[in-house]
């Protein structure tokens, strides 16, 4: 796996890797940090270039889940640029106390 070769912090539920979930033409990336997500998006861009694919940034969203205790990070993260295919994705926030249980 490319993520393991890059020593990228990825998301697991138990022993199951859930950093990239795919169904038909949809892809969900889960990452424990903004830095890990940027790296995963770079891997997707490299893969797309290699295999002549395109990711549509206009149909893509970046959902950031923050626990109540970290809400102060929302303005800083809102300014972050998460890009796919060189184009910025829309950022959507979920500010909820249930994020502690994820």
PDB file of N, CA and C in Angstrom:
ATOM      1  N   UNK A   1       0.829  -1.194   0.000  1.00  0.00           N
ATOM      2  CA  UNK A   1       0.000   0.000   0.000  1.00  0.00           C
ATOM      3  C   UNK A   1       0.870   1.252   0.000  1.00  0.00           C
ATOM      4  N   UNK A   2       0.482   2.233  -0.771  1.00  0.00           N
ATOM      5  CA  UNK A   2       1.256   3.472  -0.839  1.00  0.00           C
ATOM      6  C   UNK A   2       1.273   4.200   0.500  1.00  0.00           C
ATOM      7  N   UNK A   3       0.155   4.177   1.238  1.00  0.00           N
ATOM      8  CA  UNK A   3       0.085   4.869   2.527  1.00  0.00           C
ATOM      9  C   UNK A   3       1.096   4.301   3.505  1.00  0.00           C
ATOM     10  N   UNK A   4       1.237   2.982   3.520  1.00  0.00           N
ATOM     11  CA  UNK A   4       2.177   2.361   4.442  1.00  0.00           C
ATOM     12  C   UNK A   4       3.618   2.675   4.036  1.00  0.00           C
ATOM     13  N   UNK A   5       3.893   2.707   2.745  1.00  0.00           N
ATOM     14  CA  UNK A   5       5.238   3.030   2.282  1.00  0.00           C
ATOM     15  C   UNK A   5       5.628   4.454   2.658  1.00  0.00           C
ATOM     16  N   UNK A   6       4.654   5.358   2.682  1.00  0.00           N
ATOM     17  CA  UNK A   6       4.927   6.754   3.027  1.00  0.00           C
ATOM     18  C   UNK A   6       4.884   7.000   4.530  1.00  0.00           C
ATOM     19  N   UNK A   7       4.601   5.947   5.300  1.00  0.00           N
ATOM     20  CA  UNK A   7       4.447   6.066   6.748  1.00  0.00           C
ATOM     21  C   UNK A   7       3.414   7.135   7.089  1.00  0.00           C
ATOM     22  N   UNK A   8       2.310   7.071   6.386  1.00  0.00           N
ATOM     23  CA  UNK A   8       1.219   8.019   6.526  1.00  0.00           C
ATOM     24  C   UNK A   8       0.305   7.584   7.662  1.00  0.00           C
ATOM     25  N   UNK A   9      -0.069   8.519   8.503  1.00  0.00           N
ATOM     26  CA  UNK A   9      -1.038   8.219   9.558  1.00  0.00           C
ATOM     27  C   UNK A   9      -2.380   7.986   8.891  1.00  0.00           C
ATOM     28  N   UNK A  10      -2.927   6.800   9.057  1.00  0.00           N
ATOM     29  CA  UNK A  10      -4.188   6.461   8.419  1.00  0.00           C
ATOM     30  C   UNK A  10      -5.204   6.040   9.465  1.00  0.00           C
ATOM     31  N   UNK A  11      -6.426   5.825   9.027  1.00  0.00           N
ATOM     32  CA  UNK A  11      -7.527   5.549   9.925  1.00  0.00           C
ATOM     33  C   UNK A  11      -7.860   4.058   9.934  1.00  0.00           C
ATOM     34  N   UNK A  12      -7.988   3.510  11.133  1.00  0.00           N
ATOM     35  CA  UNK A  12      -8.362   2.117  11.316  1.00  0.00           C
ATOM     36  C   UNK A  12      -9.553   2.038  12.255  1.00  0.00           C
ATOM     37  N   UNK A  13     -10.390   1.037  12.046  1.00  0.00           N
ATOM     38  CA  UNK A  13     -11.402   0.644  13.019  1.00  0.00           C
ATOM     39  C   UNK A  13     -11.009  -0.771  13.409  1.00  0.00           C
ATOM     40  N   UNK A  14     -10.475  -0.918  14.602  1.00  0.00           N
ATOM     41  CA  UNK A  14      -9.895  -2.202  14.988  1.00  0.00           C
ATOM     42  C   UNK A  14      -8.688  -2.466  14.113  1.00  0.00           C
ATOM     43  N   UNK A  15      -8.666  -3.614  13.447  1.00  0.00           N
ATOM     44  CA  UNK A  15      -7.575  -3.965  12.540  1.00  0.00           C
ATOM     45  C   UNK A  15      -7.901  -3.671  11.084  1.00  0.00           C
ATOM     46  N   UNK A  16      -9.036  -3.035  10.831  1.00  0.00           N
ATOM     47  CA  UNK A  16      -9.487  -2.813   9.457  1.00  0.00           C
ATOM     48  C   UNK A  16      -9.138  -1.395   9.011  1.00  0.00           C
ATOM     49  N   UNK A  17      -8.413  -1.299   7.903  1.00  0.00           N
ATOM     50  CA  UNK A  17      -8.051  -0.004   7.323  1.00  0.00           C
ATOM     51  C   UNK A  17      -9.293   0.621   6.697  1.00  0.00           C
ATOM     52  N   UNK A  18      -9.632   1.828   7.103  1.00  0.00           N
ATOM     53  CA  UNK A  18     -10.789   2.534   6.547  1.00  0.00           C
ATOM     54  C   UNK A  18     -10.382   3.920   6.027  1.00  0.00           C
ATOM     55  N   UNK A  19      -9.168   4.040   5.575  1.00  0.00           N
ATOM     56  CA  UNK A  19      -8.691   5.313   5.057  1.00  0.00           C
ATOM     57  C   UNK A  19      -9.224   5.636   3.681  1.00  0.00           C
ATOM     58  N   UNK A  20      -9.605   4.609   2.915  1.00  0.00           N
ATOM     59  CA  UNK A  20     -10.159   4.811   1.579  1.00  0.00           C
ATOM     60  C   UNK A  20     -11.282   3.799   1.371  1.00  0.00           C
ATOM     61  N   UNK A  21     -12.494   4.315   1.275  1.00  0.00           N
ATOM     62  CA  UNK A  21     -13.670   3.479   1.046  1.00  0.00           C
ATOM     63  C   UNK A  21     -14.220   3.812  -0.332  1.00  0.00           C
ATOM     64  N   UNK A  22     -14.467   2.797  -1.146  1.00  0.00           N
ATOM     65  CA  UNK A  22     -14.922   3.040  -2.514  1.00  0.00           C
ATOM     66  C   UNK A  22     -16.188   2.258  -2.812  1.00  0.00           C
ATOM     67  N   UNK A  23     -17.067   2.891  -3.599  1.00  0.00           N
ATOM     68  CA  UNK A  23     -18.277   2.239  -4.094  1.00  0.00           C
ATOM     69  C   UNK A  23     -18.588   2.831  -5.462  1.00  0.00           C
ATOM     70  N   UNK A  24     -18.665   2.025  -6.464  1.00  0.00           N
ATOM     71  CA  UNK A  24     -18.822   2.424  -7.867  1.00  0.00           C
ATOM     72  C   UNK A  24     -17.869   3.570  -8.204  1.00  0.00           C
ATOM     73  N   UNK A  25     -18.368   4.766  -8.465  1.00  0.00           N
ATOM     74  CA  UNK A  25     -17.480   5.874  -8.822  1.00  0.00           C
ATOM     75  C   UNK A  25     -17.292   6.867  -7.680  1.00  0.00           C
ATOM     76  N   UNK A  26     -17.617   6.449  -6.461  1.00  0.00           N
ATOM     77  CA  UNK A  26     -17.457   7.305  -5.281  1.00  0.00           C
ATOM     78  C   UNK A  26     -16.274   6.839  -4.445  1.00  0.00           C
ATOM     79  N   UNK A  27     -15.588   7.795  -3.841  1.00  0.00           N
ATOM     80  CA  UNK A  27     -14.441   7.496  -2.990  1.00  0.00           C
ATOM     81  C   UNK A  27     -14.526   8.349  -1.734  1.00  0.00           C
ATOM     82  N   UNK A  28     -14.361   7.720  -0.588  1.00  0.00           N
ATOM     83  CA  UNK A  28     -14.340   8.436   0.691  1.00  0.00           C
ATOM     84  C   UNK A  28     -12.965   8.235   1.299  1.00  0.00           C
ATOM     85  N   UNK A  29     -12.281   9.333   1.592  1.00  0.00           N
ATOM     86  CA  UNK A  29     -11.001   9.286   2.283  1.00  0.00           C
ATOM     87  C   UNK A  29     -11.226   9.720   3.723  1.00  0.00           C
ATOM     88  N   UNK A  30     -10.722   8.949   4.667  1.00  0.00           N
ATOM     89  CA  UNK A  30     -10.781   9.350   6.069  1.00  0.00           C
ATOM     90  C   UNK A  30      -9.351   9.483   6.574  1.00  0.00           C
ATOM     91  N   UNK A  31      -9.114  10.556   7.301  1.00  0.00           N
ATOM     92  CA  UNK A  31      -7.758  10.820   7.773  1.00  0.00           C
ATOM     93  C   UNK A  31      -7.818  11.387   9.191  1.00  0.00           C
ATOM     94  N   UNK A  32      -6.838  11.041  10.015  1.00  0.00           N
ATOM     95  CA  UNK A  32      -6.832  11.531  11.395  1.00  0.00           C
ATOM     96  C   UNK A  32      -6.351  12.974  11.539  1.00  0.00           C
ATOM     97  N   UNK A  33      -5.820  13.556  10.453  1.00  0.00           N
ATOM     98  CA  UNK A  33      -5.324  14.933  10.528  1.00  0.00           C
ATOM     99  C   UNK A  33      -5.391  15.575   9.147  1.00  0.00           C
ATOM    100  N   UNK A  34      -5.310  16.894   9.137  1.00  0.00           N
ATOM    101  CA  UNK A  34      -5.302  17.628   7.870  1.00  0.00           C
ATOM    102  C   UNK A  34      -4.082  17.246   7.039  1.00  0.00           C
ATOM    103  N   UNK A  35      -2.943  17.099   7.684  1.00  0.00           N
ATOM    104  CA  UNK A  35      -1.713  16.733   6.983  1.00  0.00           C
ATOM    105  C   UNK A  35      -1.852  15.373   6.304  1.00  0.00           C
ATOM    106  N   UNK A  36      -2.440  14.409   7.003  1.00  0.00           N
ATOM    107  CA  UNK A  36      -2.640  13.082   6.416  1.00  0.00           C
ATOM    108  C   UNK A  36      -3.579  13.167   5.215  1.00  0.00           C
ATOM    109  N   UNK A  37      -4.613  13.998   5.302  1.00  0.00           N
ATOM    110  CA  UNK A  37      -5.547  14.143   4.181  1.00  0.00           C
ATOM    111  C   UNK A  37      -4.863  14.783   2.982  1.00  0.00           C
ATOM    112  N   UNK A  38      -4.042  15.809   3.209  1.00  0.00           N
ATOM    113  CA  UNK A  38      -3.308  16.432   2.104  1.00  0.00           C
ATOM    114  C   UNK A  38      -2.443  15.398   1.392  1.00  0.00           C
ATOM    115  N   UNK A  39      -1.783  14.540   2.163  1.00  0.00           N
ATOM    116  CA  UNK A  39      -0.939  13.503   1.566  1.00  0.00           C
ATOM    117  C   UNK A  39      -1.781  12.500   0.783  1.00  0.00           C
ATOM    118  N   UNK A  40      -2.936  12.114   1.331  1.00  0.00           N
ATOM    119  CA  UNK A  40      -3.804  11.166   0.635  1.00  0.00           C
ATOM    120  C   UNK A  40      -4.340  11.769  -0.666  1.00  0.00           C
ATOM    121  N   UNK A  41      -4.685  13.048  -0.638  1.00  0.00           N
ATOM    122  CA  UNK A  41      -5.149  13.714  -1.860  1.00  0.00           C
ATOM    123  C   UNK A  41      -4.036  13.782  -2.900  1.00  0.00           C
ATOM    124  N   UNK A  42      -2.796  13.975  -2.453  1.00  0.00           N
ATOM    125  CA  UNK A  42      -1.657  13.989  -3.376  1.00  0.00           C
ATOM    126  C   UNK A  42      -1.486  12.613  -4.023  1.00  0.00           C
ATOM    127  N   UNK A  43      -1.692  11.552  -3.252  1.00  0.00           N
ATOM    128  CA  UNK A  43      -1.621  10.198  -3.799  1.00  0.00           C
ATOM    129  C   UNK A  43      -2.714  10.004  -4.845  1.00  0.00           C
ATOM    130  N   UNK A  44      -3.930  10.481  -4.557  1.00  0.00           N
ATOM    131  CA  UNK A  44      -5.029  10.379  -5.519  1.00  0.00           C
ATOM    132  C   UNK A  44      -4.707  11.136  -6.804  1.00  0.00           C
ATOM    133  N   UNK A  45      -4.142  12.333  -6.673  1.00  0.00           N
ATOM    134  CA  UNK A  45      -3.763  13.117  -7.856  1.00  0.00           C
ATOM    135  C   UNK A  45      -2.719  12.381  -8.690  1.00  0.00           C
ATOM    136  N   UNK A  46      -1.722  11.807  -8.017  1.00  0.00           N
ATOM    137  CA  UNK A  46      -0.676  11.069  -8.733  1.00  0.00           C
ATOM    138  C   UNK A  46      -1.271   9.845  -9.437  1.00  0.00           C
ATOM    139  N   UNK A  47      -2.161   9.140  -8.758  1.00  0.00           N
ATOM    140  CA  UNK A  47      -2.819   7.971  -9.347  1.00  0.00           C
ATOM    141  C   UNK A  47      -3.650   8.384 -10.568  1.00  0.00           C
ATOM    142  N   UNK A  48      -4.400   9.474 -10.423  1.00  0.00           N
ATOM    143  CA  UNK A  48      -5.233   9.958 -11.527  1.00  0.00           C
ATOM    144  C   UNK A  48      -4.383  10.321 -12.744  1.00  0.00           C
ATOM    145  N   UNK A  49      -3.259  10.965 -12.516  1.00  0.00           N
ATOM    146  CA  UNK A  49      -2.367  11.319 -13.626  1.00  0.00           C
ATOM    147  C   UNK A  49      -1.800  10.072 -14.300  1.00  0.00           C
ATOM    148  N   UNK A  50      -1.417   9.110 -13.493  1.00  0.00           N
ATOM    149  CA  UNK A  50      -0.816   7.887 -14.016  1.00  0.00           C
ATOM    150  C   UNK A  50      -1.803   7.075 -14.866  1.00  0.00           C
ATOM    151  N   UNK A  51      -3.074   7.082 -14.455  1.00  0.00           N
ATOM    152  CA  UNK A  51      -4.076   6.257 -15.132  1.00  0.00           C
ATOM    153  C   UNK A  51      -5.088   7.080 -15.940  1.00  0.00           C
ATOM    154  N   UNK A  52      -4.743   8.320 -16.257  1.00  0.00           N
ATOM    155  CA  UNK A  52      -5.558   9.189 -17.110  1.00  0.00           C
ATOM    156  C   UNK A  52      -6.991   9.325 -16.582  1.00  0.00           C
ATOM    157  N   UNK A  53      -7.097   9.599 -15.295  1.00  0.00           N
ATOM    158  CA  UNK A  53      -8.393   9.795 -14.647  1.00  0.00           C
ATOM    159  C   UNK A  53      -8.519  11.243 -14.194  1.00  0.00           C
ATOM    160  N   UNK A  54      -9.734  11.642 -13.869  1.00  0.00           N
ATOM    161  CA  UNK A  54      -9.982  12.973 -13.327  1.00  0.00           C
ATOM    162  C   UNK A  54     -10.850  12.857 -12.084  1.00  0.00           C
ATOM    163  N   UNK A  55     -10.563  13.681 -11.086  1.00  0.00           N
ATOM    164  CA  UNK A  55     -11.425  13.835  -9.928  1.00  0.00           C
ATOM    165  C   UNK A  55     -12.112  15.188 -10.078  1.00  0.00           C
ATOM    166  N   UNK A  56     -13.396  15.228  -9.844  1.00  0.00           N
ATOM    167  CA  UNK A  56     -14.167  16.448 -10.006  1.00  0.00           C
ATOM    168  C   UNK A  56     -14.250  17.188  -8.671  1.00  0.00           C
ATOM    169  N   UNK A  57     -13.499  18.256  -8.533  1.00  0.00           N
ATOM    170  CA  UNK A  57     -13.480  19.026  -7.278  1.00  0.00           C
ATOM    171  C   UNK A  57     -14.821  19.700  -7.012  1.00  0.00           C
ATOM    172  N   UNK A  58     -15.572  20.031  -8.061  1.00  0.00           N
ATOM    173  CA  UNK A  58     -16.872  20.677  -7.871  1.00  0.00           C
ATOM    174  C   UNK A  58     -17.885  19.742  -7.223  1.00  0.00           C
ATOM    175  N   UNK A  59     -17.727  18.448  -7.420  1.00  0.00           N
ATOM    176  CA  UNK A  59     -18.630  17.481  -6.803  1.00  0.00           C
ATOM    177  C   UNK A  59     -18.033  16.862  -5.549  1.00  0.00           C
ATOM    178  N   UNK A  60     -16.870  17.332  -5.145  1.00  0.00           N
ATOM    179  CA  UNK A  60     -16.183  16.790  -3.967  1.00  0.00           C
ATOM    180  C   UNK A  60     -16.392  17.690  -2.760  1.00  0.00           C
ATOM    181  N   UNK A  61     -16.413  17.090  -1.608  1.00  0.00           N
ATOM    182  CA  UNK A  61     -16.552  17.825  -0.344  1.00  0.00           C
ATOM    183  C   UNK A  61     -15.486  17.334   0.623  1.00  0.00           C
ATOM    184  N   UNK A  62     -15.072  18.217   1.490  1.00  0.00           N
ATOM    185  CA  UNK A  62     -14.172  17.856   2.573  1.00  0.00           C
ATOM    186  C   UNK A  62     -14.936  18.078   3.871  1.00  0.00           C
ATOM    187  N   UNK A  63     -15.304  17.002   4.553  1.00  0.00           N
ATOM    188  CA  UNK A  63     -16.036  17.117   5.807  1.00  0.00           C
ATOM    189  C   UNK A  63     -15.037  17.018   6.958  1.00  0.00           C
ATOM    190  N   UNK A  64     -15.061  18.018   7.809  1.00  0.00           N
ATOM    191  CA  UNK A  64     -14.184  18.041   8.982  1.00  0.00           C
ATOM    192  C   UNK A  64     -15.051  17.848  10.218  1.00  0.00           C
ATOM    193  N   UNK A  65     -14.752  16.809  10.976  1.00  0.00           N
ATOM    194  CA  UNK A  65     -15.496  16.503  12.194  1.00  0.00           C
ATOM    195  C   UNK A  65     -14.653  16.945  13.378  1.00  0.00           C
ATOM    196  N   UNK A  66     -15.204  17.874  14.144  1.00  0.00           N
ATOM    197  CA  UNK A  66     -14.489  18.394  15.311  1.00  0.00           C
ATOM    198  C   UNK A  66     -15.320  18.169  16.571  1.00  0.00           C
ATOM    199  N   UNK A  67     -14.696  17.672  17.636  1.00  0.00           N
ATOM    200  CA  UNK A  67     -15.419  17.585  18.907  1.00  0.00           C
ATOM    201  C   UNK A  67     -15.633  18.987  19.469  1.00  0.00           C
ATOM    202  N   UNK A  68     -16.564  19.115  20.373  1.00  0.00           N
ATOM    203  CA  UNK A  68     -16.898  20.422  20.954  1.00  0.00           C
ATOM    204  C   UNK A  68     -15.671  21.127  21.514  1.00  0.00           C
ATOM    205  N   UNK A  69     -14.765  20.376  22.107  1.00  0.00           N
ATOM    206  CA  UNK A  69     -13.583  20.981  22.730  1.00  0.00           C
ATOM    207  C   UNK A  69     -12.611  21.574  21.709  1.00  0.00           C
ATOM    208  N   UNK A  70     -12.770  21.262  20.427  1.00  0.00           N
ATOM    209  CA  UNK A  70     -11.850  21.751  19.393  1.00  0.00           C
ATOM    210  C   UNK A  70     -12.503  22.719  18.420  1.00  0.00           C
ATOM    211  N   UNK A  71     -13.677  23.249  18.762  1.00  0.00           N
ATOM    212  CA  UNK A  71     -14.384  24.155  17.844  1.00  0.00           C
ATOM    213  C   UNK A  71     -13.570  25.380  17.474  1.00  0.00           C
ATOM    214  N   UNK A  72     -12.654  25.779  18.340  1.00  0.00           N
ATOM    215  CA  UNK A  72     -11.856  26.971  18.063  1.00  0.00           C
ATOM    216  C   UNK A  72     -10.951  26.777  16.844  1.00  0.00           C
ATOM    217  N   UNK A  73     -10.757  25.522  16.395  1.00  0.00           N
ATOM    218  CA  UNK A  73      -9.935  25.254  15.217  1.00  0.00           C
ATOM    219  C   UNK A  73     -10.683  25.477  13.904  1.00  0.00           C
ATOM    220  N   UNK A  74     -12.015  25.562  13.973  1.00  0.00           N
ATOM    221  CA  UNK A  74     -12.830  25.674  12.758  1.00  0.00           C
ATOM    222  C   UNK A  74     -12.420  26.847  11.864  1.00  0.00           C
ATOM    223  N   UNK A  75     -12.239  28.073  12.392  1.00  0.00           N
ATOM    224  CA  UNK A  75     -11.849  29.188  11.509  1.00  0.00           C
ATOM    225  C   UNK A  75     -10.502  28.950  10.827  1.00  0.00           C
ATOM    226  N   UNK A  76      -9.563  28.350  11.533  1.00  0.00           N
ATOM    227  CA  UNK A  76      -8.247  28.058  10.955  1.00  0.00           C
ATOM    228  C   UNK A  76      -8.363  27.017   9.845  1.00  0.00           C
ATOM    229  N   UNK A  77      -9.127  25.951  10.099  1.00  0.00           N
ATOM    230  CA  UNK A  77      -9.294  24.901   9.097  1.00  0.00           C
ATOM    231  C   UNK A  77     -10.115  25.369   7.905  1.00  0.00           C
ATOM    232  N   UNK A  78     -11.030  26.306   8.127  1.00  0.00           N
ATOM    233  CA  UNK A  78     -11.848  26.827   7.032  1.00  0.00           C
ATOM    234  C   UNK A  78     -10.971  27.502   5.973  1.00  0.00           C
ATOM    235  N   UNK A  79      -9.835  28.059   6.391  1.00  0.00           N
ATOM    236  CA  UNK A  79      -8.922  28.720   5.467  1.00  0.00           C
ATOM    237  C   UNK A  79      -8.002  27.729   4.751  1.00  0.00           C
ATOM    238  N   UNK A  80      -7.996  26.474   5.211  1.00  0.00           N
ATOM    239  CA  UNK A  80      -7.145  25.459   4.593  1.00  0.00           C
ATOM    240  C   UNK A  80      -7.632  25.159   3.184  1.00  0.00           C
ATOM    241  N   UNK A  81      -6.697  24.849   2.333  1.00  0.00           N
ATOM    242  CA  UNK A  81      -7.045  24.524   0.948  1.00  0.00           C
ATOM    243  C   UNK A  81      -6.837  23.033   0.718  1.00  0.00           C
ATOM    244  N   UNK A  82      -7.932  22.308   0.686  1.00  0.00           N
ATOM    245  CA  UNK A  82      -7.878  20.904   0.320  1.00  0.00           C
ATOM    246  C   UNK A  82      -8.221  20.844  -1.155  1.00  0.00           C
ATOM    247  N   UNK A  83      -7.277  20.349  -1.968  1.00  0.00           N
ATOM    248  CA  UNK A  83      -7.440  20.378  -3.411  1.00  0.00           C
ATOM    249  C   UNK A  83      -7.374  18.972  -3.991  1.00  0.00           C
ATOM    250  N   UNK A  84      -8.114  18.785  -5.071  1.00  0.00           N
ATOM    251  CA  UNK A  84      -8.028  17.565  -5.864  1.00  0.00           C
ATOM    252  C   UNK A  84      -8.019  18.003  -7.321  1.00  0.00           C
ATOM    253  N   UNK A  85      -7.113  17.458  -8.083  1.00  0.00           N
ATOM    254  CA  UNK A  85      -6.993  17.874  -9.481  1.00  0.00           C
ATOM    255  C   UNK A  85      -6.608  19.333  -9.622  1.00  0.00           C
ATOM    256  N   UNK A  86      -5.925  19.881  -8.613  1.00  0.00           N
ATOM    257  CA  UNK A  86      -5.508  21.278  -8.645  1.00  0.00           C
ATOM    258  C   UNK A  86      -6.599  22.274  -8.314  1.00  0.00           C
ATOM    259  N   UNK A  87      -7.806  21.786  -8.009  1.00  0.00           N
ATOM    260  CA  UNK A  87      -8.929  22.676  -7.700  1.00  0.00           C
ATOM    261  C   UNK A  87      -9.389  22.473  -6.269  1.00  0.00           C
ATOM    262  N   UNK A  88      -9.768  23.561  -5.650  1.00  0.00           N
ATOM    263  CA  UNK A  88     -10.166  23.561  -4.241  1.00  0.00           C
ATOM    264  C   UNK A  88     -11.520  22.890  -4.032  1.00  0.00           C
ATOM    265  N   UNK A  89     -11.607  22.086  -2.968  1.00  0.00           N
ATOM    266  CA  UNK A  89     -12.861  21.429  -2.608  1.00  0.00           C
ATOM    267  C   UNK A  89     -13.587  22.259  -1.555  1.00  0.00           C
ATOM    268  N   UNK A  90     -14.906  22.154  -1.551  1.00  0.00           N
ATOM    269  CA  UNK A  90     -15.709  22.831  -0.530  1.00  0.00           C
ATOM    270  C   UNK A  90     -15.496  22.136   0.815  1.00  0.00           C
ATOM    271  N   UNK A  91     -15.371  22.932   1.884  1.00  0.00           N
ATOM    272  CA  UNK A  91     -15.197  22.390   3.232  1.00  0.00           C
ATOM    273  C   UNK A  91     -16.525  22.462   3.973  1.00  0.00           C
ATOM    274  N   UNK A  92     -16.921  21.338   4.563  1.00  0.00           N
ATOM    275  CA  UNK A  92     -18.145  21.238   5.342  1.00  0.00           C
ATOM    276  C   UNK A  92     -17.744  20.820   6.754  1.00  0.00           C
ATOM    277  N   UNK A  93     -18.288  21.504   7.750  1.00  0.00           N
ATOM    278  CA  UNK A  93     -17.945  21.192   9.141  1.00  0.00           C
ATOM    279  C   UNK A  93     -19.065  20.447   9.838  1.00  0.00           C
ATOM    280  N   UNK A  94     -18.683  19.537  10.703  1.00  0.00           N
ATOM    281  CA  UNK A  94     -19.608  18.877  11.608  1.00  0.00           C
ATOM    282  C   UNK A  94     -19.063  19.146  13.006  1.00  0.00           C
ATOM    283  N   UNK A  95     -19.689  20.068  13.711  1.00  0.00           N
ATOM    284  CA  UNK A  95     -19.268  20.442  15.059  1.00  0.00           C
ATOM    285  C   UNK A  95     -20.240  19.818  16.036  1.00  0.00           C
ATOM    286  N   UNK A  96     -19.847  18.702  16.588  1.00  0.00           N
ATOM    287  CA  UNK A  96     -20.774  17.967  17.421  1.00  0.00           C
ATOM    288  C   UNK A  96     -20.047  17.244  18.541  1.00  0.00           C
ATOM    289  N   UNK A  97     -20.726  17.077  19.648  1.00  0.00           N
ATOM    290  CA  UNK A  97     -20.135  16.366  20.772  1.00  0.00           C
ATOM    291  C   UNK A  97     -20.044  14.876  20.487  1.00  0.00           C
ATOM    292  N   UNK A  98     -20.833  14.343  19.531  1.00  0.00           N
ATOM    293  CA  UNK A  98     -20.764  12.911  19.259  1.00  0.00           C
ATOM    294  C   UNK A  98     -19.484  12.524  18.539  1.00  0.00           C
ATOM    295  N   UNK A  99     -18.702  13.498  18.094  1.00  0.00           N
ATOM    296  CA  UNK A  99     -17.434  13.204  17.426  1.00  0.00           C
ATOM    297  C   UNK A  99     -16.472  12.474  18.367  1.00  0.00           C
ATOM    298  N   UNK A 100     -16.677  12.595  19.677  1.00  0.00           N
ATOM    299  CA  UNK A 100     -15.829  11.881  20.625  1.00  0.00           C
ATOM    300  C   UNK A 100     -15.944  10.368  20.440  1.00  0.00           C
ATOM    301  N   UNK A 101     -17.048   9.907  19.938  1.00  0.00           N
ATOM    302  CA  UNK A 101     -17.305   8.474  19.858  1.00  0.00           C
ATOM    303  C   UNK A 101     -16.896   7.881  18.522  1.00  0.00           C
ATOM    304  N   UNK A 102     -16.386   8.691  17.626  1.00  0.00           N
ATOM    305  CA  UNK A 102     -16.004   8.179  16.299  1.00  0.00           C
ATOM    306  C   UNK A 102     -14.633   7.575  16.346  1.00  0.00           C
TER     307      UNK A 102
END
